[in-house]
């Protein structure tokens, strides 16, 4: 018996259902139910929320979320081998777990969830960043979710919380910090997983802000940031000259030196530049 419910230990579940992790699906299973319960707690009070989980695998975090009192969990799992193991969890928590066997990139979770909604997941490495960018760039803000509690490779986690001046600072940091409050809340070594990945992992908690931190048109800001960091070694007057013939005037108006490079510029200044271009 496990410590959080009356279901079998995860190693036993994996053996029973022959769930050897597949590299092609970006699978690395976290088997310690104490750790999965801790991650669930890092998502905050779940008792009044529906929770979206992507890539539950054998269900370690799923069990943690339900044991921590999640009102309801929607688990989207691409690997059909994992569905019978997840169904056993659904039987233990009647009416609280819905399982969809499909690709999270193709499923509209809003057809199955009721607000308020939180997202908690040990994201598959191969789609984690793409999903995060989607959640950070919806057509309207605030988004459908209140918070994200997500596991990434530690390098990706560091990029999300990075500050100006370092190589980790880039588009992902700006996207995350413009509309959320992101924090690294937990780090895990490779040996916590089966099979152990080649890198360490970290859990990032992102709380949605009611409005973006600084005013800017999302499309313009995205265009500016993409152009700036696509040529991050160039001075901004060169990297951004395709955006506007008078780019140096706009840079001055935003308080940015034309000779600076992208990684030196704060989010507030990028937003000011986007507003100047729109004006």
C-alpha atoms as a PDB file:
ATOM      1  CA  UNK A   1       0.000   0.000   0.000  1.00  0.00           C
ATOM      2  CA  UNK A   2       1.174   3.538  -0.645  1.00  0.00           C
ATOM      3  CA  UNK A   3       1.239   6.304   1.944  1.00  0.00           C
ATOM      4  CA  UNK A   4      -1.317   8.580   0.252  1.00  0.00           C
ATOM      5  CA  UNK A   5      -4.073   6.157  -0.820  1.00  0.00           C
ATOM      6  CA  UNK A   6      -4.928   2.478  -0.930  1.00  0.00           C
ATOM      7  CA  UNK A   7      -3.495   1.944  -4.417  1.00  0.00           C
ATOM      8  CA  UNK A   8      -0.299  -0.048  -5.122  1.00  0.00           C
ATOM      9  CA  UNK A   9       3.180   1.543  -5.237  1.00  0.00           C
ATOM     10  CA  UNK A  10       4.084   2.976  -8.638  1.00  0.00           C
ATOM     11  CA  UNK A  11       6.839   0.435  -9.333  1.00  0.00           C
ATOM     12  CA  UNK A  12       4.220  -2.278  -8.943  1.00  0.00           C
ATOM     13  CA  UNK A  13       1.805  -0.407 -11.230  1.00  0.00           C
ATOM     14  CA  UNK A  14       4.512  -0.036 -13.892  1.00  0.00           C
ATOM     15  CA  UNK A  15       5.389  -3.726 -13.666  1.00  0.00           C
ATOM     16  CA  UNK A  16       1.745  -4.851 -13.768  1.00  0.00           C
ATOM     17  CA  UNK A  17       0.922  -2.776 -16.850  1.00  0.00           C
ATOM     18  CA  UNK A  18       4.337  -3.132 -18.552  1.00  0.00           C
ATOM     19  CA  UNK A  19       4.892   0.622 -18.662  1.00  0.00           C
ATOM     20  CA  UNK A  20       8.565   0.928 -19.549  1.00  0.00           C
ATOM     21  CA  UNK A  21       9.157   4.635 -20.237  1.00  0.00           C
ATOM     22  CA  UNK A  22       9.389   5.576 -23.918  1.00  0.00           C
ATOM     23  CA  UNK A  23      12.033   8.093 -24.940  1.00  0.00           C
ATOM     24  CA  UNK A  24       9.997   8.960 -28.057  1.00  0.00           C
ATOM     25  CA  UNK A  25       7.228  10.292 -25.778  1.00  0.00           C
ATOM     26  CA  UNK A  26       9.614  12.206 -23.519  1.00  0.00           C
ATOM     27  CA  UNK A  27       8.699   9.955 -20.589  1.00  0.00           C
ATOM     28  CA  UNK A  28      10.592   9.987 -17.293  1.00  0.00           C
ATOM     29  CA  UNK A  29       8.414   8.698 -14.466  1.00  0.00           C
ATOM     30  CA  UNK A  30       8.605  10.157 -10.972  1.00  0.00           C
ATOM     31  CA  UNK A  31       7.989   7.150  -8.710  1.00  0.00           C
ATOM     32  CA  UNK A  32       8.236   8.590  -5.190  1.00  0.00           C
ATOM     33  CA  UNK A  33       4.665   9.333  -4.089  1.00  0.00           C
ATOM     34  CA  UNK A  34       5.977  11.613  -1.338  1.00  0.00           C
ATOM     35  CA  UNK A  35       7.532  13.812  -4.042  1.00  0.00           C
ATOM     36  CA  UNK A  36       4.429  13.795  -6.235  1.00  0.00           C
ATOM     37  CA  UNK A  37       2.317  14.731  -3.201  1.00  0.00           C
ATOM     38  CA  UNK A  38       4.720  17.613  -2.467  1.00  0.00           C
ATOM     39  CA  UNK A  39       4.376  18.885  -6.054  1.00  0.00           C
ATOM     40  CA  UNK A  40       0.592  18.698  -5.700  1.00  0.00           C
ATOM     41  CA  UNK A  41       0.816  20.801  -2.523  1.00  0.00           C
ATOM     42  CA  UNK A  42       2.949  23.374  -4.359  1.00  0.00           C
ATOM     43  CA  UNK A  43      -0.044  23.957  -6.651  1.00  0.00           C
ATOM     44  CA  UNK A  44      -1.887  25.461  -3.660  1.00  0.00           C
ATOM     45  CA  UNK A  45      -5.382  24.791  -2.343  1.00  0.00           C
ATOM     46  CA  UNK A  46      -7.042  22.494  -4.894  1.00  0.00           C
ATOM     47  CA  UNK A  47     -10.312  21.869  -3.083  1.00  0.00           C
ATOM     48  CA  UNK A  48     -12.225  24.502  -5.054  1.00  0.00           C
ATOM     49  CA  UNK A  49     -10.490  23.937  -8.404  1.00  0.00           C
ATOM     50  CA  UNK A  50     -10.506  21.665 -11.417  1.00  0.00           C
ATOM     51  CA  UNK A  51      -6.980  20.603 -12.333  1.00  0.00           C
ATOM     52  CA  UNK A  52      -5.588  19.930 -15.803  1.00  0.00           C
ATOM     53  CA  UNK A  53      -2.742  17.421 -15.886  1.00  0.00           C
ATOM     54  CA  UNK A  54      -0.734  16.677 -19.033  1.00  0.00           C
ATOM     55  CA  UNK A  55       1.225  13.441 -19.392  1.00  0.00           C
ATOM     56  CA  UNK A  56       0.236  11.678 -16.160  1.00  0.00           C
ATOM     57  CA  UNK A  57       1.977   8.409 -17.145  1.00  0.00           C
ATOM     58  CA  UNK A  58       1.304   5.796 -14.446  1.00  0.00           C
ATOM     59  CA  UNK A  59      -0.443   8.439 -12.329  1.00  0.00           C
ATOM     60  CA  UNK A  60       1.939   9.446  -9.546  1.00  0.00           C
ATOM     61  CA  UNK A  61       1.107  13.161  -9.668  1.00  0.00           C
ATOM     62  CA  UNK A  62      -2.537  12.323 -10.459  1.00  0.00           C
ATOM     63  CA  UNK A  63      -2.768  10.475  -7.154  1.00  0.00           C
ATOM     64  CA  UNK A  64      -1.092  13.362  -5.359  1.00  0.00           C
ATOM     65  CA  UNK A  65      -3.542  15.895  -6.797  1.00  0.00           C
ATOM     66  CA  UNK A  66      -6.558  13.796  -5.830  1.00  0.00           C
ATOM     67  CA  UNK A  67      -5.191  12.981  -2.377  1.00  0.00           C
ATOM     68  CA  UNK A  68      -4.601  16.721  -1.819  1.00  0.00           C
ATOM     69  CA  UNK A  69      -8.297  17.305  -2.419  1.00  0.00           C
ATOM     70  CA  UNK A  70      -8.553  18.428  -6.058  1.00  0.00           C
ATOM     71  CA  UNK A  71     -12.208  18.972  -6.905  1.00  0.00           C
ATOM     72  CA  UNK A  72     -11.676  17.212 -10.217  1.00  0.00           C
ATOM     73  CA  UNK A  73      -8.711  16.219 -12.414  1.00  0.00           C
ATOM     74  CA  UNK A  74      -8.621  16.028 -16.206  1.00  0.00           C
ATOM     75  CA  UNK A  75      -5.647  13.862 -17.217  1.00  0.00           C
ATOM     76  CA  UNK A  76      -4.595  13.955 -20.883  1.00  0.00           C
ATOM     77  CA  UNK A  77      -2.291  11.059 -21.744  1.00  0.00           C
ATOM     78  CA  UNK A  78      -0.932  10.313 -25.220  1.00  0.00           C
ATOM     79  CA  UNK A  79       0.340   6.810 -24.392  1.00  0.00           C
ATOM     80  CA  UNK A  80      -2.563   4.311 -24.523  1.00  0.00           C
ATOM     81  CA  UNK A  81      -0.554   1.853 -22.375  1.00  0.00           C
ATOM     82  CA  UNK A  82      -1.051   4.169 -19.365  1.00  0.00           C
ATOM     83  CA  UNK A  83      -4.840   4.359 -19.590  1.00  0.00           C
ATOM     84  CA  UNK A  84      -5.621   1.110 -17.671  1.00  0.00           C
ATOM     85  CA  UNK A  85      -3.368   2.226 -14.794  1.00  0.00           C
ATOM     86  CA  UNK A  86      -5.110   5.617 -14.728  1.00  0.00           C
ATOM     87  CA  UNK A  87      -8.506   3.904 -14.844  1.00  0.00           C
ATOM     88  CA  UNK A  88      -7.641   2.148 -11.565  1.00  0.00           C
ATOM     89  CA  UNK A  89      -7.096   5.569  -9.991  1.00  0.00           C
ATOM     90  CA  UNK A  90     -10.426   6.776 -11.412  1.00  0.00           C
ATOM     91  CA  UNK A  91     -12.123   3.794  -9.753  1.00  0.00           C
ATOM     92  CA  UNK A  92     -10.559   4.743  -6.403  1.00  0.00           C
ATOM     93  CA  UNK A  93     -11.780   8.364  -6.746  1.00  0.00           C
ATOM     94  CA  UNK A  94     -15.284   8.000  -8.261  1.00  0.00           C
ATOM     95  CA  UNK A  95     -16.358  10.975 -10.373  1.00  0.00           C
ATOM     96  CA  UNK A  96     -13.162  12.952  -9.711  1.00  0.00           C
ATOM     97  CA  UNK A  97     -10.837  11.816 -12.526  1.00  0.00           C
ATOM     98  CA  UNK A  98     -11.482  12.057 -16.260  1.00  0.00           C
ATOM     99  CA  UNK A  99      -8.927  10.472 -18.598  1.00  0.00           C
ATOM    100  CA  UNK A 100      -8.486  11.480 -22.230  1.00  0.00           C
ATOM    101  CA  UNK A 101      -6.199   9.350 -24.392  1.00  0.00           C
ATOM    102  CA  UNK A 102      -4.912  11.938 -26.832  1.00  0.00           C
ATOM    103  CA  UNK A 103      -2.353  14.604 -27.681  1.00  0.00           C
ATOM    104  CA  UNK A 104      -2.523  17.603 -25.346  1.00  0.00           C
ATOM    105  CA  UNK A 105      -1.688  19.867 -28.290  1.00  0.00           C
ATOM    106  CA  UNK A 106      -4.944  18.820 -29.969  1.00  0.00           C
ATOM    107  CA  UNK A 107      -7.374  18.666 -27.008  1.00  0.00           C
ATOM    108  CA  UNK A 108      -9.439  21.667 -25.888  1.00  0.00           C
ATOM    109  CA  UNK A 109      -9.520  21.231 -22.087  1.00  0.00           C
ATOM    110  CA  UNK A 110     -12.228  23.869 -21.651  1.00  0.00           C
ATOM    111  CA  UNK A 111     -14.758  21.401 -23.045  1.00  0.00           C
ATOM    112  CA  UNK A 112     -14.173  19.265 -19.944  1.00  0.00           C
ATOM    113  CA  UNK A 113     -13.301  21.678 -17.103  1.00  0.00           C
ATOM    114  CA  UNK A 114     -15.119  24.191 -14.915  1.00  0.00           C
ATOM    115  CA  UNK A 115     -13.508  27.342 -13.516  1.00  0.00           C
ATOM    116  CA  UNK A 116     -11.519  27.966 -11.448  1.00  0.00           C
ATOM    117  CA  UNK A 117      -8.835  25.874 -13.168  1.00  0.00           C
ATOM    118  CA  UNK A 118      -5.238  25.144 -12.233  1.00  0.00           C
ATOM    119  CA  UNK A 119      -2.684  23.290 -14.350  1.00  0.00           C
ATOM    120  CA  UNK A 120      -0.221  20.894 -12.715  1.00  0.00           C
ATOM    121  CA  UNK A 121       1.997  18.544 -14.680  1.00  0.00           C
ATOM    122  CA  UNK A 122       5.282  16.751 -14.972  1.00  0.00           C
ATOM    123  CA  UNK A 123       5.400  17.822 -18.610  1.00  0.00           C
ATOM    124  CA  UNK A 124       6.889  15.496 -21.235  1.00  0.00           C
ATOM    125  CA  UNK A 125      10.241  17.042 -22.141  1.00  0.00           C
ATOM    126  CA  UNK A 126       9.463  17.082 -25.865  1.00  0.00           C
ATOM    127  CA  UNK A 127       6.368  19.326 -25.658  1.00  0.00           C
ATOM    128  CA  UNK A 128       6.821  21.197 -22.379  1.00  0.00           C
ATOM    129  CA  UNK A 129       8.029  24.525 -23.761  1.00  0.00           C
ATOM    130  CA  UNK A 130       5.461  24.552 -26.586  1.00  0.00           C
ATOM    131  CA  UNK A 131       2.613  24.017 -24.130  1.00  0.00           C
ATOM    132  CA  UNK A 132       3.913  26.727 -21.797  1.00  0.00           C
ATOM    133  CA  UNK A 133       4.118  29.267 -24.637  1.00  0.00           C
ATOM    134  CA  UNK A 134       0.525  28.409 -25.644  1.00  0.00           C
ATOM    135  CA  UNK A 135      -0.702  28.945 -22.077  1.00  0.00           C
ATOM    136  CA  UNK A 136       1.161  32.262 -21.822  1.00  0.00           C
ATOM    137  CA  UNK A 137      -0.144  33.649 -25.138  1.00  0.00           C
ATOM    138  CA  UNK A 138      -3.933  33.161 -25.263  1.00  0.00           C
ATOM    139  CA  UNK A 139      -6.061  35.532 -27.384  1.00  0.00           C
ATOM    140  CA  UNK A 140      -7.340  37.277 -24.242  1.00  0.00           C
ATOM    141  CA  UNK A 141      -5.996  37.841 -20.733  1.00  0.00           C
ATOM    142  CA  UNK A 142      -6.562  36.773 -17.973  1.00  0.00           C
ATOM    143  CA  UNK A 143      -6.341  33.167 -19.204  1.00  0.00           C
ATOM    144  CA  UNK A 144      -8.594  30.206 -18.397  1.00  0.00           C
ATOM    145  CA  UNK A 145      -6.139  29.034 -15.712  1.00  0.00           C
ATOM    146  CA  UNK A 146      -5.241  30.619 -12.352  1.00  0.00           C
ATOM    147  CA  UNK A 147      -1.814  29.037 -11.945  1.00  0.00           C
ATOM    148  CA  UNK A 148       0.648  26.646 -13.569  1.00  0.00           C
ATOM    149  CA  UNK A 149       2.740  24.223 -11.516  1.00  0.00           C
ATOM    150  CA  UNK A 150       5.005  22.552 -14.045  1.00  0.00           C
ATOM    151  CA  UNK A 151       8.097  20.399 -14.094  1.00  0.00           C
ATOM    152  CA  UNK A 152      10.772  21.140 -16.692  1.00  0.00           C
ATOM    153  CA  UNK A 153      14.397  20.399 -17.317  1.00  0.00           C
ATOM    154  CA  UNK A 154      16.211  22.707 -14.896  1.00  0.00           C
ATOM    155  CA  UNK A 155      17.753  24.653 -17.786  1.00  0.00           C
ATOM    156  CA  UNK A 156      14.272  25.513 -19.096  1.00  0.00           C
ATOM    157  CA  UNK A 157      13.094  26.452 -15.596  1.00  0.00           C
ATOM    158  CA  UNK A 158      16.040  28.822 -15.248  1.00  0.00           C
ATOM    159  CA  UNK A 159      15.160  30.428 -18.590  1.00  0.00           C
ATOM    160  CA  UNK A 160      11.619  31.114 -17.333  1.00  0.00           C
ATOM    161  CA  UNK A 161      12.789  33.055 -14.252  1.00  0.00           C
ATOM    162  CA  UNK A 162      15.977  34.577 -15.753  1.00  0.00           C
ATOM    163  CA  UNK A 163      16.815  38.262 -15.294  1.00  0.00           C
ATOM    164  CA  UNK A 164      18.599  40.541 -17.795  1.00  0.00           C
ATOM    165  CA  UNK A 165      22.330  40.162 -18.199  1.00  0.00           C
ATOM    166  CA  UNK A 166      22.746  36.424 -18.654  1.00  0.00           C
ATOM    167  CA  UNK A 167      22.542  33.858 -21.426  1.00  0.00           C
ATOM    168  CA  UNK A 168      19.404  32.287 -19.923  1.00  0.00           C
ATOM    169  CA  UNK A 169      17.472  35.562 -20.367  1.00  0.00           C
ATOM    170  CA  UNK A 170      15.374  35.558 -23.499  1.00  0.00           C
ATOM    171  CA  UNK A 171      11.920  35.315 -25.038  1.00  0.00           C
ATOM    172  CA  UNK A 172      10.685  32.686 -22.567  1.00  0.00           C
ATOM    173  CA  UNK A 173      11.583  34.861 -19.549  1.00  0.00           C
ATOM    174  CA  UNK A 174       9.836  37.873 -21.058  1.00  0.00           C
ATOM    175  CA  UNK A 175       6.695  35.944 -22.005  1.00  0.00           C
ATOM    176  CA  UNK A 176       6.438  34.435 -18.532  1.00  0.00           C
ATOM    177  CA  UNK A 177       7.280  37.530 -16.528  1.00  0.00           C
ATOM    178  CA  UNK A 178       5.048  39.894 -18.523  1.00  0.00           C
ATOM    179  CA  UNK A 179       1.839  38.148 -17.495  1.00  0.00           C
ATOM    180  CA  UNK A 180       2.726  35.916 -14.527  1.00  0.00           C
ATOM    181  CA  UNK A 181       4.754  35.743 -11.363  1.00  0.00           C
ATOM    182  CA  UNK A 182       7.084  32.753 -11.978  1.00  0.00           C
ATOM    183  CA  UNK A 183       9.147  31.074  -9.244  1.00  0.00           C
ATOM    184  CA  UNK A 184      11.242  27.916  -9.079  1.00  0.00           C
ATOM    185  CA  UNK A 185       9.725  26.096  -6.099  1.00  0.00           C
ATOM    186  CA  UNK A 186      11.469  22.702  -6.174  1.00  0.00           C
ATOM    187  CA  UNK A 187      14.498  21.016  -7.762  1.00  0.00           C
ATOM    188  CA  UNK A 188      14.914  17.296  -8.415  1.00  0.00           C
ATOM    189  CA  UNK A 189      18.022  15.278  -9.306  1.00  0.00           C
ATOM    190  CA  UNK A 190      18.033  12.809 -12.231  1.00  0.00           C
ATOM    191  CA  UNK A 191      17.927   9.805  -9.876  1.00  0.00           C
ATOM    192  CA  UNK A 192      14.433  10.808  -8.700  1.00  0.00           C
ATOM    193  CA  UNK A 193      13.115   9.555 -12.056  1.00  0.00           C
ATOM    194  CA  UNK A 194      12.845   6.259 -13.869  1.00  0.00           C
ATOM    195  CA  UNK A 195      14.704   6.143 -16.168  1.00  0.00           C
ATOM    196  CA  UNK A 196      17.003   8.924 -14.881  1.00  0.00           C
ATOM    197  CA  UNK A 197      17.278  11.736 -17.461  1.00  0.00           C
ATOM    198  CA  UNK A 198      20.681  13.218 -18.253  1.00  0.00           C
ATOM    199  CA  UNK A 199      19.733  16.531 -16.634  1.00  0.00           C
ATOM    200  CA  UNK A 200      18.283  17.813 -13.380  1.00  0.00           C
ATOM    201  CA  UNK A 201      14.670  18.975 -13.237  1.00  0.00           C
ATOM    202  CA  UNK A 202      12.821  21.796 -11.505  1.00  0.00           C
ATOM    203  CA  UNK A 203       9.221  22.695 -10.719  1.00  0.00           C
ATOM    204  CA  UNK A 204       8.111  26.205 -11.656  1.00  0.00           C
ATOM    205  CA  UNK A 205       4.970  27.798 -10.197  1.00  0.00           C
ATOM    206  CA  UNK A 206       3.492  30.600 -12.305  1.00  0.00           C
ATOM    207  CA  UNK A 207       0.599  32.654 -10.918  1.00  0.00           C
ATOM    208  CA  UNK A 208      -1.428  34.518 -13.541  1.00  0.00           C
ATOM    209  CA  UNK A 209      -1.458  38.297 -13.025  1.00  0.00           C
ATOM    210  CA  UNK A 210      -4.882  39.958 -13.454  1.00  0.00           C
ATOM    211  CA  UNK A 211      -3.350  42.143 -16.188  1.00  0.00           C
ATOM    212  CA  UNK A 212       0.065  42.245 -17.902  1.00  0.00           C
ATOM    213  CA  UNK A 213       2.799  43.805 -15.782  1.00  0.00           C
ATOM    214  CA  UNK A 214       3.265  46.689 -18.268  1.00  0.00           C
ATOM    215  CA  UNK A 215       0.940  47.824 -21.083  1.00  0.00           C
ATOM    216  CA  UNK A 216       1.817  46.651 -24.605  1.00  0.00           C
ATOM    217  CA  UNK A 217       0.152  45.121 -27.631  1.00  0.00           C
ATOM    218  CA  UNK A 218       0.906  41.376 -27.375  1.00  0.00           C
ATOM    219  CA  UNK A 219       1.519  40.940 -31.119  1.00  0.00           C
ATOM    220  CA  UNK A 220       3.882  43.929 -31.278  1.00  0.00           C
ATOM    221  CA  UNK A 221       5.750  42.905 -28.144  1.00  0.00           C
ATOM    222  CA  UNK A 222       6.154  39.362 -29.462  1.00  0.00           C
ATOM    223  CA  UNK A 223       7.483  40.696 -32.775  1.00  0.00           C
ATOM    224  CA  UNK A 224       9.992  42.976 -31.010  1.00  0.00           C
ATOM    225  CA  UNK A 225      11.213  40.292 -28.612  1.00  0.00           C
ATOM    226  CA  UNK A 226      11.510  37.653 -31.352  1.00  0.00           C
ATOM    227  CA  UNK A 227      13.534  39.977 -33.595  1.00  0.00           C
ATOM    228  CA  UNK A 228      15.757  41.110 -30.721  1.00  0.00           C
ATOM    229  CA  UNK A 229      16.653  37.625 -29.497  1.00  0.00           C
ATOM    230  CA  UNK A 230      16.882  35.973 -32.924  1.00  0.00           C
ATOM    231  CA  UNK A 231      20.023  38.079 -33.348  1.00  0.00           C
ATOM    232  CA  UNK A 232      20.950  38.505 -29.715  1.00  0.00           C
ATOM    233  CA  UNK A 233      24.640  39.173 -30.436  1.00  0.00           C
ATOM    234  CA  UNK A 234      23.798  42.209 -32.558  1.00  0.00           C
ATOM    235  CA  UNK A 235      23.175  45.717 -31.275  1.00  0.00           C
ATOM    236  CA  UNK A 236      19.466  46.428 -31.160  1.00  0.00           C
ATOM    237  CA  UNK A 237      19.666  49.132 -33.841  1.00  0.00           C
ATOM    238  CA  UNK A 238      20.799  46.381 -36.220  1.00  0.00           C
ATOM    239  CA  UNK A 239      18.698  43.490 -34.883  1.00  0.00           C
ATOM    240  CA  UNK A 240      15.477  45.540 -35.040  1.00  0.00           C
ATOM    241  CA  UNK A 241      16.009  47.634 -38.175  1.00  0.00           C
ATOM    242  CA  UNK A 242      13.537  45.472 -40.136  1.00  0.00           C
ATOM    243  CA  UNK A 243      10.714  46.551 -37.783  1.00  0.00           C
ATOM    244  CA  UNK A 244      10.862  50.265 -38.594  1.00  0.00           C
ATOM    245  CA  UNK A 245      13.245  52.523 -40.571  1.00  0.00           C
ATOM    246  CA  UNK A 246      13.238  54.914 -37.596  1.00  0.00           C
ATOM    247  CA  UNK A 247      14.070  52.193 -35.045  1.00  0.00           C
ATOM    248  CA  UNK A 248      16.752  54.296 -33.359  1.00  0.00           C
ATOM    249  CA  UNK A 249      14.181  57.002 -32.593  1.00  0.00           C
ATOM    250  CA  UNK A 250      11.872  54.400 -31.070  1.00  0.00           C
ATOM    251  CA  UNK A 251      14.718  52.929 -29.001  1.00  0.00           C
ATOM    252  CA  UNK A 252      15.554  56.386 -27.621  1.00  0.00           C
ATOM    253  CA  UNK A 253      11.875  57.007 -26.884  1.00  0.00           C
ATOM    254  CA  UNK A 254      11.768  53.779 -24.874  1.00  0.00           C
ATOM    255  CA  UNK A 255      14.902  54.710 -22.935  1.00  0.00           C
ATOM    256  CA  UNK A 256      17.017  52.042 -24.648  1.00  0.00           C
ATOM    257  CA  UNK A 257      20.496  52.743 -26.023  1.00  0.00           C
ATOM    258  CA  UNK A 258      20.618  51.645 -29.696  1.00  0.00           C
ATOM    259  CA  UNK A 259      23.987  50.010 -28.999  1.00  0.00           C
ATOM    260  CA  UNK A 260      22.576  47.698 -26.316  1.00  0.00           C
ATOM    261  CA  UNK A 261      21.937  44.022 -26.969  1.00  0.00           C
ATOM    262  CA  UNK A 262      18.693  42.180 -26.242  1.00  0.00           C
ATOM    263  CA  UNK A 263      19.891  40.442 -23.094  1.00  0.00           C
ATOM    264  CA  UNK A 264      20.634  43.820 -21.457  1.00  0.00           C
ATOM    265  CA  UNK A 265      17.092  45.176 -21.815  1.00  0.00           C
ATOM    266  CA  UNK A 266      14.447  44.853 -19.094  1.00  0.00           C
ATOM    267  CA  UNK A 267      10.857  43.770 -19.742  1.00  0.00           C
ATOM    268  CA  UNK A 268       9.531  47.267 -18.963  1.00  0.00           C
ATOM    269  CA  UNK A 269      11.739  48.791 -21.667  1.00  0.00           C
ATOM    270  CA  UNK A 270      10.684  46.179 -24.249  1.00  0.00           C
ATOM    271  CA  UNK A 271       7.045  47.056 -23.490  1.00  0.00           C
ATOM    272  CA  UNK A 272       7.831  50.770 -23.878  1.00  0.00           C
ATOM    273  CA  UNK A 273       9.464  50.021 -27.242  1.00  0.00           C
ATOM    274  CA  UNK A 274       6.385  48.081 -28.383  1.00  0.00           C
ATOM    275  CA  UNK A 275       4.165  51.034 -27.424  1.00  0.00           C
ATOM    276  CA  UNK A 276       6.403  53.470 -29.296  1.00  0.00           C
ATOM    277  CA  UNK A 277       6.295  51.346 -32.440  1.00  0.00           C
ATOM    278  CA  UNK A 278       2.502  51.173 -32.236  1.00  0.00           C
ATOM    279  CA  UNK A 279       2.210  54.928 -31.820  1.00  0.00           C
END
